[in-house]
Amino acid sequence: MTKLDSNAYKFALISVFLWSTVATAFKFSLKYLSPELLVLYASLTSLIILFIILFIQNKINQVFKHIRDNLLLVLTLGIINPFLYYLVLFKAYDLLPAQEAQAINYTWALMLAFLSVPFLKQKLRLADIVAGIICYFGVLIIATKGEPFSLNFSNMDGVFLALFSTVLWAIYWIFNTKVKADPVVSLFANFLVATPFILVYCLINTDMVFPETTGLLAAIYVGLFEMGITFLFWLKAMQSATNTSKIANLIFISPFISLIFIYFILGEEIYISTLFGLGFIILGLVLQSSKKFNKENKKQEKVN
């Protein structure tokens, strides 16, 4: 293993570990804060930490140039993430057990493949269709607590919001392909333009009370490690790796580590159905990204 790969694995594993804690952090934070206030305080935290990073890197001037040259795109991205995406996601976590919400949200990569067809004019592959059937059967197992054919959902509103969050996150990354700026500059710009929208939404829809210290610290944790710093670790891992696919596959560890935190910190009973459903989701995502499967798919397309 080269030094670059060693650094890539180190940064990637740090990212995976931190992302594995956020489902627990979301649910814990929501004991003290409404979803709206959690979005507000976490976003402000991320805004501050990203500003400090850009200030140290002497890139603040790039932010204003990026906003000036791409105002409509920046506004669109900022309204999607952090405003709408996290508002929907936190509402889903407020309604569902953490193990259910995080597993369903994990299907966003599959939703990205589906939405790339109308938005990016990409072809829908056999791999995407098969993976979709497998993944969403896994979602069905989780959402019905192991009785997928009963269609008896534990909380239909929560399941809908969790699935809708995957649509928003996929659309965000599709629109993000149009961004040519430094990733940190772009992310900071999104938070900068979104913050006024979040603040106004909170003023209209919730009581603006200053949270307890525990709630505030939890929101700061979410802002630091879900919205801010972890993204930079993952970016560094991708930039350092000689083979990004090997690094990217490490993300499949995250939901299983997350269940450990959910069990020991939140005290949630981990259902066997969650493990089975999550297994189907991971199988579908691995199949979708499998080079062997995609090669066979291309051969079949040529034959037809």
C-alpha atoms as a PDB file:
ATOM      1  CA  MET A   1       0.000   0.000   0.000  1.00  0.00           C
ATOM      2  CA  THR A   2       1.396   3.382  -1.010  1.00  0.00           C
ATOM      3  CA  LYS A   3       1.562   6.326   1.354  1.00  0.00           C
ATOM      4  CA  LEU A   4      -1.206   8.009  -0.658  1.00  0.00           C
ATOM      5  CA  ASP A   5      -3.461   4.970  -0.263  1.00  0.00           C
ATOM      6  CA  SER A   6      -2.617   4.762   3.419  1.00  0.00           C
ATOM      7  CA  ASN A   7      -3.717   8.376   3.876  1.00  0.00           C
ATOM      8  CA  ALA A   8      -6.812   7.769   1.745  1.00  0.00           C
ATOM      9  CA  TYR A   9      -7.916   4.848   3.917  1.00  0.00           C
ATOM     10  CA  LYS A  10      -7.226   6.863   7.067  1.00  0.00           C
ATOM     11  CA  PHE A  11      -9.365   9.804   5.932  1.00  0.00           C
ATOM     12  CA  ALA A  12     -12.072   7.476   4.584  1.00  0.00           C
ATOM     13  CA  LEU A  13     -12.313   5.474   7.814  1.00  0.00           C
ATOM     14  CA  ILE A  14     -12.554   8.688   9.840  1.00  0.00           C
ATOM     15  CA  SER A  15     -15.409   9.782   7.566  1.00  0.00           C
ATOM     16  CA  VAL A  16     -17.175   6.417   7.844  1.00  0.00           C
ATOM     17  CA  PHE A  17     -16.882   6.458  11.630  1.00  0.00           C
ATOM     18  CA  LEU A  18     -18.227  10.004  11.944  1.00  0.00           C
ATOM     19  CA  TRP A  19     -21.088   9.383   9.516  1.00  0.00           C
ATOM     20  CA  SER A  20     -21.932   6.263  11.507  1.00  0.00           C
ATOM     21  CA  THR A  21     -22.658   8.432  14.546  1.00  0.00           C
ATOM     22  CA  VAL A  22     -25.001  10.938  12.910  1.00  0.00           C
ATOM     23  CA  ALA A  23     -28.212   8.854  12.944  1.00  0.00           C
ATOM     24  CA  THR A  24     -27.812   8.585  16.707  1.00  0.00           C
ATOM     25  CA  ALA A  25     -26.967  12.302  16.919  1.00  0.00           C
ATOM     26  CA  PHE A  26     -30.076  13.211  14.887  1.00  0.00           C
ATOM     27  CA  LYS A  27     -32.405  11.218  17.112  1.00  0.00           C
ATOM     28  CA  PHE A  28     -30.713  12.414  20.314  1.00  0.00           C
ATOM     29  CA  SER A  29     -30.896  16.071  19.186  1.00  0.00           C
ATOM     30  CA  LEU A  30     -34.601  15.757  18.392  1.00  0.00           C
ATOM     31  CA  LYS A  31     -35.294  14.995  22.055  1.00  0.00           C
ATOM     32  CA  TYR A  32     -34.410  18.626  22.775  1.00  0.00           C
ATOM     33  CA  LEU A  33     -35.089  20.469  19.494  1.00  0.00           C
ATOM     34  CA  SER A  34     -37.779  20.577  16.835  1.00  0.00           C
ATOM     35  CA  PRO A  35     -36.639  19.515  13.335  1.00  0.00           C
ATOM     36  CA  GLU A  36     -36.783  23.183  12.275  1.00  0.00           C
ATOM     37  CA  LEU A  37     -34.513  24.407  15.075  1.00  0.00           C
ATOM     38  CA  LEU A  38     -32.125  21.499  14.591  1.00  0.00           C
ATOM     39  CA  VAL A  39     -31.718  22.519  10.932  1.00  0.00           C
ATOM     40  CA  LEU A  40     -31.114  26.129  12.006  1.00  0.00           C
ATOM     41  CA  TYR A  41     -28.506  25.525  14.731  1.00  0.00           C
ATOM     42  CA  ALA A  42     -26.705  22.750  12.843  1.00  0.00           C
ATOM     43  CA  SER A  43     -26.559  24.871   9.673  1.00  0.00           C
ATOM     44  CA  LEU A  44     -25.192  27.869  11.575  1.00  0.00           C
ATOM     45  CA  THR A  45     -22.518  25.627  13.071  1.00  0.00           C
ATOM     46  CA  SER A  46     -21.532  24.307   9.664  1.00  0.00           C
ATOM     47  CA  LEU A  47     -21.525  27.824   8.224  1.00  0.00           C
ATOM     48  CA  ILE A  48     -19.105  28.999  10.922  1.00  0.00           C
ATOM     49  CA  ILE A  49     -16.729  26.016  10.621  1.00  0.00           C
ATOM     50  CA  LEU A  50     -16.642  26.232   6.812  1.00  0.00           C
ATOM     51  CA  PHE A  51     -15.951  29.978   7.049  1.00  0.00           C
ATOM     52  CA  ILE A  52     -12.997  29.309   9.373  1.00  0.00           C
ATOM     53  CA  ILE A  53     -11.616  26.681   6.977  1.00  0.00           C
ATOM     54  CA  LEU A  54     -11.944  28.981   3.962  1.00  0.00           C
ATOM     55  CA  PHE A  55     -10.429  31.885   5.907  1.00  0.00           C
ATOM     56  CA  ILE A  56      -7.387  29.765   6.786  1.00  0.00           C
ATOM     57  CA  GLN A  57      -7.125  28.678   3.125  1.00  0.00           C
ATOM     58  CA  ASN A  58      -7.508  32.304   1.989  1.00  0.00           C
ATOM     59  CA  LYS A  59     -10.466  31.434  -0.271  1.00  0.00           C
ATOM     60  CA  ILE A  60     -13.168  33.784   1.031  1.00  0.00           C
ATOM     61  CA  ASN A  61     -12.908  35.950  -2.090  1.00  0.00           C
ATOM     62  CA  GLN A  62     -13.736  32.881  -4.218  1.00  0.00           C
ATOM     63  CA  VAL A  63     -17.074  32.542  -2.425  1.00  0.00           C
ATOM     64  CA  PHE A  64     -18.410  35.907  -3.549  1.00  0.00           C
ATOM     65  CA  LYS A  65     -17.159  35.365  -7.105  1.00  0.00           C
ATOM     66  CA  HIS A  66     -18.871  31.954  -7.173  1.00  0.00           C
ATOM     67  CA  ILE A  67     -22.165  33.402  -5.892  1.00  0.00           C
ATOM     68  CA  ARG A  68     -22.008  36.350  -8.308  1.00  0.00           C
ATOM     69  CA  ASP A  69     -21.302  34.146 -11.346  1.00  0.00           C
ATOM     70  CA  ASN A  70     -23.767  31.372 -10.435  1.00  0.00           C
ATOM     71  CA  LEU A  71     -26.455  33.046  -8.332  1.00  0.00           C
ATOM     72  CA  LEU A  72     -29.437  30.998  -9.531  1.00  0.00           C
ATOM     73  CA  LEU A  73     -27.549  27.693  -9.228  1.00  0.00           C
ATOM     74  CA  VAL A  74     -26.237  28.578  -5.753  1.00  0.00           C
ATOM     75  CA  LEU A  75     -29.733  29.576  -4.596  1.00  0.00           C
ATOM     76  CA  THR A  76     -31.188  26.332  -5.949  1.00  0.00           C
ATOM     77  CA  LEU A  77     -28.515  24.191  -4.305  1.00  0.00           C
ATOM     78  CA  GLY A  78     -28.757  26.080  -1.019  1.00  0.00           C
ATOM     79  CA  ILE A  79     -32.540  25.727  -0.844  1.00  0.00           C
ATOM     80  CA  ILE A  80     -32.195  21.976  -1.473  1.00  0.00           C
ATOM     81  CA  ASN A  81     -29.219  21.491   0.862  1.00  0.00           C
ATOM     82  CA  PRO A  82     -29.165  22.362   3.720  1.00  0.00           C
ATOM     83  CA  PHE A  83     -32.719  23.790   3.873  1.00  0.00           C
ATOM     84  CA  LEU A  84     -35.212  21.304   2.383  1.00  0.00           C
ATOM     85  CA  TYR A  85     -33.145  18.127   2.586  1.00  0.00           C
ATOM     86  CA  TYR A  86     -32.343  18.355   6.278  1.00  0.00           C
ATOM     87  CA  LEU A  87     -35.781  19.663   7.212  1.00  0.00           C
ATOM     88  CA  VAL A  88     -37.384  16.622   5.552  1.00  0.00           C
ATOM     89  CA  LEU A  89     -34.748  14.224   6.894  1.00  0.00           C
ATOM     90  CA  PHE A  90     -35.053  15.459  10.490  1.00  0.00           C
ATOM     91  CA  LYS A  91     -38.843  15.254  10.314  1.00  0.00           C
ATOM     92  CA  ALA A  92     -38.453  11.625   9.162  1.00  0.00           C
ATOM     93  CA  TYR A  93     -36.160  10.904  12.105  1.00  0.00           C
ATOM     94  CA  ASP A  94     -38.655  12.576  14.411  1.00  0.00           C
ATOM     95  CA  LEU A  95     -41.347  10.107  13.286  1.00  0.00           C
ATOM     96  CA  LEU A  96     -39.336   6.905  12.816  1.00  0.00           C
ATOM     97  CA  PRO A  97     -36.899   4.863  14.898  1.00  0.00           C
ATOM     98  CA  ALA A  98     -33.334   5.871  13.970  1.00  0.00           C
ATOM     99  CA  GLN A  99     -32.593   2.416  12.532  1.00  0.00           C
ATOM    100  CA  GLU A 100     -35.484   2.727  10.052  1.00  0.00           C
ATOM    101  CA  ALA A 101     -34.817   6.308   8.958  1.00  0.00           C
ATOM    102  CA  GLN A 102     -31.089   5.783   8.375  1.00  0.00           C
ATOM    103  CA  ALA A 103     -31.598   2.561   6.410  1.00  0.00           C
ATOM    104  CA  ILE A 104     -34.223   4.095   4.111  1.00  0.00           C
ATOM    105  CA  ASN A 105     -32.179   7.255   3.601  1.00  0.00           C
ATOM    106  CA  TYR A 106     -29.276   5.057   2.541  1.00  0.00           C
ATOM    107  CA  THR A 107     -31.059   4.280  -0.763  1.00  0.00           C
ATOM    108  CA  TRP A 108     -30.292   7.778  -2.074  1.00  0.00           C
ATOM    109  CA  ALA A 109     -27.528   6.396  -4.320  1.00  0.00           C
ATOM    110  CA  LEU A 110     -30.098   4.267  -6.110  1.00  0.00           C
ATOM    111  CA  MET A 111     -32.452   7.230  -6.435  1.00  0.00           C
ATOM    112  CA  LEU A 112     -29.521   9.143  -7.968  1.00  0.00           C
ATOM    113  CA  ALA A 113     -29.252   6.497 -10.699  1.00  0.00           C
ATOM    114  CA  PHE A 114     -32.998   6.679 -11.435  1.00  0.00           C
ATOM    115  CA  LEU A 115     -33.170  10.486 -11.515  1.00  0.00           C
ATOM    116  CA  SER A 116     -30.072  10.697 -13.715  1.00  0.00           C
ATOM    117  CA  VAL A 117     -32.238   9.290 -16.524  1.00  0.00           C
ATOM    118  CA  PRO A 118     -34.548  12.349 -16.890  1.00  0.00           C
ATOM    119  CA  PHE A 119     -32.102  14.970 -15.580  1.00  0.00           C
ATOM    120  CA  LEU A 120     -28.812  13.872 -17.171  1.00  0.00           C
ATOM    121  CA  LYS A 121     -30.270  11.862 -20.070  1.00  0.00           C
ATOM    122  CA  GLN A 122     -28.494   8.719 -18.923  1.00  0.00           C
ATOM    123  CA  LYS A 123     -29.805   5.270 -19.830  1.00  0.00           C
ATOM    124  CA  LEU A 124     -31.530   3.127 -17.235  1.00  0.00           C
ATOM    125  CA  ARG A 125     -29.435  -0.025 -16.979  1.00  0.00           C
ATOM    126  CA  LEU A 126     -30.538  -3.515 -16.076  1.00  0.00           C
ATOM    127  CA  ALA A 127     -28.300  -3.185 -13.004  1.00  0.00           C
ATOM    128  CA  ASP A 128     -30.330  -0.178 -11.831  1.00  0.00           C
ATOM    129  CA  ILE A 129     -33.655  -1.985 -12.269  1.00  0.00           C
ATOM    130  CA  VAL A 130     -32.542  -5.153 -10.457  1.00  0.00           C
ATOM    131  CA  ALA A 131     -30.864  -3.114  -7.715  1.00  0.00           C
ATOM    132  CA  GLY A 132     -34.041  -1.055  -7.331  1.00  0.00           C
ATOM    133  CA  ILE A 133     -36.190  -4.141  -6.822  1.00  0.00           C
ATOM    134  CA  ILE A 134     -33.762  -5.541  -4.239  1.00  0.00           C
ATOM    135  CA  CYS A 135     -33.198  -2.257  -2.378  1.00  0.00           C
ATOM    136  CA  TYR A 136     -36.817  -1.226  -2.140  1.00  0.00           C
ATOM    137  CA  PHE A 137     -37.831  -4.710  -1.066  1.00  0.00           C
ATOM    138  CA  GLY A 138     -35.331  -4.150   1.762  1.00  0.00           C
ATOM    139  CA  VAL A 139     -37.029  -0.821   2.543  1.00  0.00           C
ATOM    140  CA  LEU A 140     -40.377  -2.628   2.606  1.00  0.00           C
ATOM    141  CA  ILE A 141     -39.019  -5.210   5.060  1.00  0.00           C
ATOM    142  CA  ILE A 142     -37.749  -2.456   7.374  1.00  0.00           C
ATOM    143  CA  ALA A 143     -40.840  -0.229   7.119  1.00  0.00           C
ATOM    144  CA  THR A 144     -43.236  -3.125   7.877  1.00  0.00           C
ATOM    145  CA  LYS A 145     -40.999  -4.642  10.574  1.00  0.00           C
ATOM    146  CA  GLY A 146     -40.499  -7.891   8.702  1.00  0.00           C
ATOM    147  CA  GLU A 147     -43.943  -8.270   7.121  1.00  0.00           C
ATOM    148  CA  PRO A 148     -43.408  -6.849   3.617  1.00  0.00           C
ATOM    149  CA  PHE A 149     -46.504  -8.421   2.068  1.00  0.00           C
ATOM    150  CA  SER A 150     -48.823  -7.064   4.749  1.00  0.00           C
ATOM    151  CA  LEU A 151     -48.142  -3.456   3.634  1.00  0.00           C
ATOM    152  CA  ASN A 152     -48.751  -2.517   7.259  1.00  0.00           C
ATOM    153  CA  PHE A 153     -46.300   0.360   7.709  1.00  0.00           C
ATOM    154  CA  SER A 154     -45.151   1.356  11.182  1.00  0.00           C
ATOM    155  CA  ASN A 155     -45.398   5.062  10.245  1.00  0.00           C
ATOM    156  CA  MET A 156     -46.339   5.863   6.653  1.00  0.00           C
ATOM    157  CA  ASP A 157     -45.625   9.600   6.994  1.00  0.00           C
ATOM    158  CA  GLY A 158     -42.131   8.909   8.317  1.00  0.00           C
ATOM    159  CA  VAL A 159     -41.400   6.380   5.558  1.00  0.00           C
ATOM    160  CA  PHE A 160     -42.603   8.837   2.904  1.00  0.00           C
ATOM    161  CA  LEU A 161     -40.414  11.634   4.305  1.00  0.00           C
ATOM    162  CA  ALA A 162     -37.369   9.339   4.513  1.00  0.00           C
ATOM    163  CA  LEU A 163     -37.880   8.307   0.874  1.00  0.00           C
ATOM    164  CA  PHE A 164     -38.490  11.921  -0.165  1.00  0.00           C
ATOM    165  CA  SER A 165     -35.180  12.893   1.465  1.00  0.00           C
ATOM    166  CA  THR A 166     -33.429  10.504  -0.953  1.00  0.00           C
ATOM    167  CA  VAL A 167     -35.075  12.317  -3.873  1.00  0.00           C
ATOM    168  CA  LEU A 168     -33.876  15.703  -2.595  1.00  0.00           C
ATOM    169  CA  TRP A 169     -30.336  14.443  -1.932  1.00  0.00           C
ATOM    170  CA  ALA A 170     -30.111  12.826  -5.379  1.00  0.00           C
ATOM    171  CA  ILE A 171     -31.360  16.004  -7.090  1.00  0.00           C
ATOM    172  CA  TYR A 172     -28.817  18.026  -5.107  1.00  0.00           C
ATOM    173  CA  TRP A 173     -25.920  15.925  -6.420  1.00  0.00           C
ATOM    174  CA  ILE A 174     -27.285  15.988  -9.974  1.00  0.00           C
ATOM    175  CA  PHE A 175     -27.440  19.800  -9.916  1.00  0.00           C
ATOM    176  CA  ASN A 176     -24.056  19.840  -8.207  1.00  0.00           C
ATOM    177  CA  THR A 177     -22.474  18.390 -11.381  1.00  0.00           C
ATOM    178  CA  LYS A 178     -22.874  21.857 -12.891  1.00  0.00           C
ATOM    179  CA  VAL A 179     -20.669  23.439 -10.206  1.00  0.00           C
ATOM    180  CA  LYS A 180     -17.093  24.214 -11.274  1.00  0.00           C
ATOM    181  CA  ALA A 181     -15.945  25.904  -8.058  1.00  0.00           C
ATOM    182  CA  ASP A 182     -13.831  24.472  -5.236  1.00  0.00           C
ATOM    183  CA  PRO A 183     -16.067  21.986  -3.334  1.00  0.00           C
ATOM    184  CA  VAL A 184     -15.619  23.735   0.011  1.00  0.00           C
ATOM    185  CA  VAL A 185     -16.297  27.142  -1.560  1.00  0.00           C
ATOM    186  CA  SER A 186     -19.443  25.771  -3.174  1.00  0.00           C
ATOM    187  CA  LEU A 187     -20.674  24.106   0.026  1.00  0.00           C
ATOM    188  CA  PHE A 188     -20.106  27.266   2.082  1.00  0.00           C
ATOM    189  CA  ALA A 189     -21.961  29.348  -0.534  1.00  0.00           C
ATOM    190  CA  ASN A 190     -24.936  26.979  -0.274  1.00  0.00           C
ATOM    191  CA  PHE A 191     -25.084  27.387   3.506  1.00  0.00           C
ATOM    192  CA  LEU A 192     -24.613  31.141   3.233  1.00  0.00           C
ATOM    193  CA  VAL A 193     -27.591  31.684   0.924  1.00  0.00           C
ATOM    194  CA  ALA A 194     -29.761  29.079   2.675  1.00  0.00           C
ATOM    195  CA  THR A 195     -29.393  30.459   6.211  1.00  0.00           C
ATOM    196  CA  PRO A 196     -31.804  33.408   5.734  1.00  0.00           C
ATOM    197  CA  PHE A 197     -34.452  31.027   4.320  1.00  0.00           C
ATOM    198  CA  ILE A 198     -33.996  28.673   7.269  1.00  0.00           C
ATOM    199  CA  LEU A 199     -34.224  31.532   9.762  1.00  0.00           C
ATOM    200  CA  VAL A 200     -37.398  32.967   8.224  1.00  0.00           C
ATOM    201  CA  TYR A 201     -38.979  29.496   8.067  1.00  0.00           C
ATOM    202  CA  CYS A 202     -38.213  28.953  11.768  1.00  0.00           C
ATOM    203  CA  LEU A 203     -39.589  32.381  12.741  1.00  0.00           C
ATOM    204  CA  ILE A 204     -42.864  31.577  10.971  1.00  0.00           C
ATOM    205  CA  ASN A 205     -43.283  27.926  11.915  1.00  0.00           C
ATOM    206  CA  THR A 206     -41.786  27.393  15.364  1.00  0.00           C
ATOM    207  CA  ASP A 207     -41.142  29.082  18.701  1.00  0.00           C
ATOM    208  CA  MET A 208     -37.650  30.559  18.640  1.00  0.00           C
ATOM    209  CA  VAL A 209     -36.440  29.383  22.037  1.00  0.00           C
ATOM    210  CA  PHE A 210     -32.804  28.989  22.970  1.00  0.00           C
ATOM    211  CA  PRO A 211     -32.227  25.275  23.561  1.00  0.00           C
ATOM    212  CA  GLU A 212     -30.869  23.561  26.628  1.00  0.00           C
ATOM    213  CA  THR A 213     -27.108  23.129  26.660  1.00  0.00           C
ATOM    214  CA  THR A 214     -27.416  19.420  25.822  1.00  0.00           C
ATOM    215  CA  GLY A 215     -29.645  20.143  22.824  1.00  0.00           C
ATOM    216  CA  LEU A 216     -27.380  22.906  21.582  1.00  0.00           C
ATOM    217  CA  LEU A 217     -24.266  20.725  21.866  1.00  0.00           C
ATOM    218  CA  ALA A 218     -26.054  17.950  19.982  1.00  0.00           C
ATOM    219  CA  ALA A 219     -26.989  20.377  17.190  1.00  0.00           C
ATOM    220  CA  ILE A 220     -23.398  21.629  17.039  1.00  0.00           C
ATOM    221  CA  TYR A 221     -22.227  18.017  16.721  1.00  0.00           C
ATOM    222  CA  VAL A 222     -24.611  17.478  13.786  1.00  0.00           C
ATOM    223  CA  GLY A 223     -23.399  20.681  12.135  1.00  0.00           C
ATOM    224  CA  LEU A 224     -19.765  19.715  12.558  1.00  0.00           C
ATOM    225  CA  PHE A 225     -19.804  16.043  11.649  1.00  0.00           C
ATOM    226  CA  GLU A 226     -22.805  15.562   9.333  1.00  0.00           C
ATOM    227  CA  MET A 227     -22.843  18.796   7.386  1.00  0.00           C
ATOM    228  CA  GLY A 228     -19.271  20.084   7.596  1.00  0.00           C
ATOM    229  CA  ILE A 229     -15.957  18.499   8.543  1.00  0.00           C
ATOM    230  CA  THR A 230     -16.727  14.906   7.537  1.00  0.00           C
ATOM    231  CA  PHE A 231     -17.358  16.006   3.959  1.00  0.00           C
ATOM    232  CA  LEU A 232     -13.834  17.427   3.884  1.00  0.00           C
ATOM    233  CA  PHE A 233     -12.311  14.193   5.217  1.00  0.00           C
ATOM    234  CA  TRP A 234     -14.139  12.198   2.539  1.00  0.00           C
ATOM    235  CA  LEU A 235     -13.055  14.643  -0.172  1.00  0.00           C
ATOM    236  CA  LYS A 236      -9.462  14.304   1.010  1.00  0.00           C
ATOM    237  CA  ALA A 237      -9.769  10.508   0.911  1.00  0.00           C
ATOM    238  CA  MET A 238     -11.046  10.587  -2.676  1.00  0.00           C
ATOM    239  CA  GLN A 239      -8.251  12.940  -3.729  1.00  0.00           C
ATOM    240  CA  SER A 240      -5.541  10.787  -2.088  1.00  0.00           C
ATOM    241  CA  ALA A 241      -6.716   7.392  -3.369  1.00  0.00           C
ATOM    242  CA  THR A 242      -5.127   5.661  -6.363  1.00  0.00           C
ATOM    243  CA  ASN A 243      -8.289   3.535  -6.656  1.00  0.00           C
ATOM    244  CA  THR A 244     -11.377   5.468  -5.574  1.00  0.00           C
ATOM    245  CA  SER A 245     -13.760   2.494  -5.951  1.00  0.00           C
ATOM    246  CA  LYS A 246     -12.016   0.623  -3.119  1.00  0.00           C
ATOM    247  CA  ILE A 247     -12.323   3.679  -0.893  1.00  0.00           C
ATOM    248  CA  ALA A 248     -15.935   4.302  -1.899  1.00  0.00           C
ATOM    249  CA  ASN A 249     -16.911   0.744  -0.907  1.00  0.00           C
ATOM    250  CA  LEU A 250     -15.948   1.497   2.698  1.00  0.00           C
ATOM    251  CA  ILE A 251     -19.145   3.512   3.007  1.00  0.00           C
ATOM    252  CA  PHE A 252     -21.092   0.227   3.091  1.00  0.00           C
ATOM    253  CA  ILE A 253     -19.672  -0.355   6.590  1.00  0.00           C
ATOM    254  CA  SER A 254     -21.339   2.789   7.928  1.00  0.00           C
ATOM    255  CA  PRO A 255     -24.973   1.672   8.434  1.00  0.00           C
ATOM    256  CA  PHE A 256     -23.928  -1.420  10.391  1.00  0.00           C
ATOM    257  CA  ILE A 257     -21.635   0.575  12.688  1.00  0.00           C
ATOM    258  CA  SER A 258     -24.501   3.045  13.036  1.00  0.00           C
ATOM    259  CA  LEU A 259     -26.761   0.297  14.413  1.00  0.00           C
ATOM    260  CA  ILE A 260     -24.234  -0.307  17.197  1.00  0.00           C
ATOM    261  CA  PHE A 261     -24.427   3.352  18.280  1.00  0.00           C
ATOM    262  CA  ILE A 262     -28.223   3.335  17.958  1.00  0.00           C
ATOM    263  CA  TYR A 263     -28.444   0.282  20.213  1.00  0.00           C
ATOM    264  CA  PHE A 264     -25.993   1.345  22.931  1.00  0.00           C
ATOM    265  CA  ILE A 265     -26.605   5.112  23.027  1.00  0.00           C
ATOM    266  CA  LEU A 266     -30.279   5.467  22.105  1.00  0.00           C
ATOM    267  CA  GLY A 267     -31.282   2.135  23.599  1.00  0.00           C
ATOM    268  CA  GLU A 268     -33.330   1.151  20.551  1.00  0.00           C
ATOM    269  CA  GLU A 269     -34.006  -2.536  20.156  1.00  0.00           C
ATOM    270  CA  ILE A 270     -32.487  -3.511  16.803  1.00  0.00           C
ATOM    271  CA  TYR A 271     -35.049  -5.586  14.926  1.00  0.00           C
ATOM    272  CA  ILE A 272     -34.020  -8.653  12.948  1.00  0.00           C
ATOM    273  CA  SER A 273     -36.130  -7.189  10.131  1.00  0.00           C
ATOM    274  CA  THR A 274     -33.872  -4.111  10.097  1.00  0.00           C
ATOM    275  CA  LEU A 275     -30.778  -6.282   9.627  1.00  0.00           C
ATOM    276  CA  PHE A 276     -32.448  -8.286   6.846  1.00  0.00           C
ATOM    277  CA  GLY A 277     -33.773  -5.155   5.150  1.00  0.00           C
ATOM    278  CA  LEU A 278     -30.441  -3.389   5.407  1.00  0.00           C
ATOM    279  CA  GLY A 279     -28.784  -6.477   3.968  1.00  0.00           C
ATOM    280  CA  PHE A 280     -31.071  -6.271   0.917  1.00  0.00           C
ATOM    281  CA  ILE A 281     -30.307  -2.555   0.521  1.00  0.00           C
ATOM    282  CA  ILE A 282     -26.533  -3.095   0.657  1.00  0.00           C
ATOM    283  CA  LEU A 283     -26.810  -6.062  -1.736  1.00  0.00           C
ATOM    284  CA  GLY A 284     -28.728  -3.925  -4.215  1.00  0.00           C
ATOM    285  CA  LEU A 285     -26.242  -1.044  -4.007  1.00  0.00           C
ATOM    286  CA  VAL A 286     -23.242  -3.377  -4.375  1.00  0.00           C
ATOM    287  CA  LEU A 287     -24.891  -5.057  -7.365  1.00  0.00           C
ATOM    288  CA  GLN A 288     -25.630  -1.692  -8.947  1.00  0.00           C
ATOM    289  CA  SER A 289     -21.966  -0.654  -8.719  1.00  0.00           C
ATOM    290  CA  SER A 290     -20.573  -4.077  -9.635  1.00  0.00           C
ATOM    291  CA  LYS A 291     -18.255  -3.850 -12.632  1.00  0.00           C
ATOM    292  CA  LYS A 292     -18.909  -7.496 -13.574  1.00  0.00           C
ATOM    293  CA  PHE A 293     -22.682  -6.994 -13.595  1.00  0.00           C
ATOM    294  CA  ASN A 294     -22.383  -3.808 -15.634  1.00  0.00           C
ATOM    295  CA  LYS A 295     -20.081  -5.480 -18.194  1.00  0.00           C
ATOM    296  CA  GLU A 296     -22.608  -8.288 -18.676  1.00  0.00           C
ATOM    297  CA  ASN A 297     -25.335  -5.668 -18.995  1.00  0.00           C
ATOM    298  CA  LYS A 298     -23.398  -3.842 -21.742  1.00  0.00           C
ATOM    299  CA  LYS A 299     -22.793  -7.117 -23.606  1.00  0.00           C
ATOM    300  CA  GLN A 300     -26.526  -7.853 -23.491  1.00  0.00           C
ATOM    301  CA  GLU A 301     -27.336  -4.363 -24.782  1.00  0.00           C
ATOM    302  CA  LYS A 302     -24.976  -4.892 -27.755  1.00  0.00           C
ATOM    303  CA  VAL A 303     -26.606  -8.238 -28.552  1.00  0.00           C
ATOM    304  CA  ASN A 304     -30.044  -6.644 -28.517  1.00  0.00           C
END
